[in-house]
C-alpha atoms as a PDB file:
ATOM      1  CA  MET A   1     -80.907  32.940-110.086  1.00  0.00           C
ATOM      2  CA  ASP A   2     -77.304  34.087-110.188  1.00  0.00           C
ATOM      3  CA  LEU A   3     -77.070  35.324-106.589  1.00  0.00           C
ATOM      4  CA  VAL A   4     -74.690  33.495-104.258  1.00  0.00           C
ATOM      5  CA  PRO A   5     -75.019  34.314-100.547  1.00  0.00           C
ATOM      6  CA  THR A   6     -71.918  34.862 -98.464  1.00  0.00           C
ATOM      7  CA  SER A   7     -71.002  33.544 -95.019  1.00  0.00           C
ATOM      8  CA  ASP A   8     -73.988  31.983 -93.226  1.00  0.00           C
ATOM      9  CA  SER A   9     -76.630  33.779 -95.308  1.00  0.00           C
ATOM     10  CA  VAL A  10     -79.497  31.876 -96.936  1.00  0.00           C
ATOM     11  CA  ILE A  11     -81.630  33.071 -99.848  1.00  0.00           C
ATOM     12  CA  ILE A  12     -85.227  31.842 -99.603  1.00  0.00           C
ATOM     13  CA  ARG A  13     -88.563  32.117-101.387  1.00  0.00           C
ATOM     14  CA  GLU A  14     -91.452  32.355 -98.931  1.00  0.00           C
ATOM     15  CA  ILE A  15     -94.299  29.837 -99.215  1.00  0.00           C
ATOM     16  CA  PRO A  16     -97.802  31.158 -98.411  1.00  0.00           C
ATOM     17  CA  TYR A  17     -98.950  30.193 -94.883  1.00  0.00           C
ATOM     18  CA  GLN A  18    -101.053  27.042 -94.355  1.00  0.00           C
ATOM     19  CA  GLU A  19    -102.536  26.054 -90.994  1.00  0.00           C
ATOM     20  CA  GLN A  20    -101.217  22.499 -91.409  1.00  0.00           C
ATOM     21  CA  SER A  21     -97.891  21.721 -93.034  1.00  0.00           C
ATOM     22  CA  LYS A  22     -97.478  18.930 -95.587  1.00  0.00           C
ATOM     23  CA  GLY A  23     -95.717  16.920 -92.878  1.00  0.00           C
ATOM     24  CA  GLY A  24     -98.866  17.094 -90.729  1.00  0.00           C
ATOM     25  CA  VAL A  25     -97.625  19.616 -88.166  1.00  0.00           C
ATOM     26  CA  ILE A  26    -100.544  21.796 -87.041  1.00  0.00           C
ATOM     27  CA  LEU A  27     -99.417  25.291 -86.132  1.00  0.00           C
ATOM     28  CA  PRO A  28    -101.471  27.053 -83.428  1.00  0.00           C
ATOM     29  CA  THR A  29    -103.074  30.243 -84.688  1.00  0.00           C
ATOM     30  CA  GLU A  30    -101.515  32.376 -81.937  1.00  0.00           C
ATOM     31  CA  ILE A  31     -97.968  31.640 -83.208  1.00  0.00           C
ATOM     32  CA  ALA A  32     -98.783  31.075 -86.856  1.00  0.00           C
ATOM     33  CA  PRO A  33     -98.456  34.709 -88.015  1.00  0.00           C
ATOM     34  CA  SER A  34     -94.836  34.881 -86.848  1.00  0.00           C
ATOM     35  CA  LEU A  35     -93.785  31.535 -88.362  1.00  0.00           C
ATOM     36  CA  ALA A  36     -93.248  31.160 -92.081  1.00  0.00           C
ATOM     37  CA  GLU A  37     -92.265  28.397 -94.486  1.00  0.00           C
ATOM     38  CA  ALA A  38     -89.874  28.968 -97.342  1.00  0.00           C
ATOM     39  CA  GLU A  39     -87.950  27.094 -99.997  1.00  0.00           C
ATOM     40  CA  VAL A  40     -84.179  27.478 -99.792  1.00  0.00           C
ATOM     41  CA  MET A  41     -82.816  28.801-103.080  1.00  0.00           C
ATOM     42  CA  ALA A  42     -79.110  29.190-102.160  1.00  0.00           C
ATOM     43  CA  VAL A  43     -76.883  28.788 -99.098  1.00  0.00           C
ATOM     44  CA  GLY A  44     -73.594  30.500 -98.258  1.00  0.00           C
ATOM     45  CA  LEU A  45     -70.438  28.541 -97.421  1.00  0.00           C
ATOM     46  CA  GLY A  46     -70.920  29.070 -93.669  1.00  0.00           C
ATOM     47  CA  ALA A  47     -69.745  31.315 -90.872  1.00  0.00           C
ATOM     48  CA  ILE A  48     -66.197  31.465 -89.542  1.00  0.00           C
ATOM     49  CA  ALA A  49     -65.930  30.434 -85.874  1.00  0.00           C
ATOM     50  CA  PHE A  50     -62.612  30.102 -84.036  1.00  0.00           C
ATOM     51  CA  GLY A  51     -60.749  30.218 -87.347  1.00  0.00           C
ATOM     52  CA  HIS A  52     -62.734  27.387 -88.976  1.00  0.00           C
ATOM     53  CA  ARG A  53     -65.625  27.487 -91.419  1.00  0.00           C
ATOM     54  CA  VAL A  54     -68.852  26.058 -89.995  1.00  0.00           C
ATOM     55  CA  SER A  55     -71.152  24.986 -92.814  1.00  0.00           C
ATOM     56  CA  SER A  56     -74.925  24.802 -92.514  1.00  0.00           C
ATOM     57  CA  ASP A  57     -77.044  21.649 -92.554  1.00  0.00           C
ATOM     58  CA  ILE A  58     -79.484  23.438 -94.843  1.00  0.00           C
ATOM     59  CA  GLN A  59     -79.217  22.899 -98.598  1.00  0.00           C
ATOM     60  CA  ALA A  60     -80.838  24.465-101.645  1.00  0.00           C
ATOM     61  CA  GLY A  61     -84.214  22.838-102.230  1.00  0.00           C
ATOM     62  CA  ASP A  62     -84.978  22.258 -98.531  1.00  0.00           C
ATOM     63  CA  ILE A  63     -88.176  23.645 -97.011  1.00  0.00           C
ATOM     64  CA  ILE A  64     -87.553  25.626 -93.822  1.00  0.00           C
ATOM     65  CA  ILE A  65     -89.618  27.076 -90.991  1.00  0.00           C
ATOM     66  CA  TYR A  66     -88.365  30.344 -89.531  1.00  0.00           C
ATOM     67  CA  ASN A  67     -89.665  33.135 -87.312  1.00  0.00           C
ATOM     68  CA  LYS A  68     -90.066  36.160 -89.547  1.00  0.00           C
ATOM     69  CA  ASP A  69     -90.755  38.561 -86.666  1.00  0.00           C
ATOM     70  CA  LEU A  70     -87.649  38.000 -84.522  1.00  0.00           C
ATOM     71  CA  TYR A  71     -84.773  38.343 -86.973  1.00  0.00           C
ATOM     72  CA  PRO A  72     -83.773  40.851 -89.640  1.00  0.00           C
ATOM     73  CA  ILE A  73     -84.857  39.840 -93.117  1.00  0.00           C
ATOM     74  CA  GLN A  74     -83.451  41.478 -96.241  1.00  0.00           C
ATOM     75  CA  PRO A  75     -85.779  41.466 -99.292  1.00  0.00           C
ATOM     76  CA  ILE A  76     -84.153  40.921-102.695  1.00  0.00           C
ATOM     77  CA  ILE A  77     -85.698  41.331-106.142  1.00  0.00           C
ATOM     78  CA  GLU A  78     -84.033  39.174-108.802  1.00  0.00           C
ATOM     79  CA  ASP A  79     -85.473  38.714-112.316  1.00  0.00           C
ATOM     80  CA  GLY A  80     -88.744  40.294-111.118  1.00  0.00           C
ATOM     81  CA  GLU A  81     -89.203  37.709-108.344  1.00  0.00           C
ATOM     82  CA  LYS A  82     -89.062  38.460-104.602  1.00  0.00           C
ATOM     83  CA  PHE A  83     -86.619  36.532-102.435  1.00  0.00           C
ATOM     84  CA  LEU A  84     -85.541  37.013 -98.835  1.00  0.00           C
ATOM     85  CA  MET A  85     -82.103  36.757 -97.263  1.00  0.00           C
ATOM     86  CA  ILE A  86     -81.810  35.443 -93.697  1.00  0.00           C
ATOM     87  CA  ARG A  87     -79.076  33.954 -91.510  1.00  0.00           C
ATOM     88  CA  ALA A  88     -78.863  30.157 -91.351  1.00  0.00           C
ATOM     89  CA  ASN A  89     -78.971  30.223 -87.555  1.00  0.00           C
ATOM     90  CA  THR A  90     -82.478  31.760 -87.638  1.00  0.00           C
ATOM     91  CA  VAL A  91     -83.959  28.589 -89.177  1.00  0.00           C
ATOM     92  CA  LEU A  92     -86.061  26.687 -86.621  1.00  0.00           C
ATOM     93  CA  ALA A  93     -86.561  23.462 -88.602  1.00  0.00           C
ATOM     94  CA  TYR A  94     -86.140  22.109 -92.106  1.00  0.00           C
ATOM     95  CA  ARG A  95     -87.399  19.317 -94.328  1.00  0.00           C
ATOM     96  CA  ARG A  96     -84.973  17.754 -96.800  1.00  0.00           C
ATOM     97  CA  SER A  97     -85.687  18.184-100.483  1.00  0.00           C
ATOM     98  CA  ALA A  98     -87.166  15.292-102.472  1.00  0.00           C
ATOM     99  CA  ARG A  99     -83.809  14.916-104.256  1.00  0.00           C
ATOM    100  CA  ASP A 100     -82.043  13.914-101.033  1.00  0.00           C
ATOM    101  CA  LYS A 101     -84.808  11.519 -99.988  1.00  0.00           C
ATOM    102  CA  THR A 102     -84.295   9.461-103.137  1.00  0.00           C
ATOM    103  CA  ASP A 103     -80.525   9.357-102.505  1.00  0.00           C
ATOM    104  CA  GLU A 104     -81.117   7.900 -99.011  1.00  0.00           C
ATOM    105  CA  ALA A 105     -83.367   5.068-100.253  1.00  0.00           C
END
């Protein structure tokens, strides 16, 4: 993918919903339809606040959980594949990619 998001935008690929995440978190069915998991494909450099760039903790390869009903989501089609663009501050939680876990060990 050649797309590079600007500012605090994040390009993601949605992961189909599962009642229990790989980390063992069980999502109640009444909130499950509004929550979604996605793989982060690309992250912008960050927003500008008070004259300084504020970068995101999220990195490409991370798995995120976000509320798809509360925030605007922009669909993008690139190379025949569907991606979504959201703001980094709409991410509720994230799980580091396997690449970073091996670096920490």
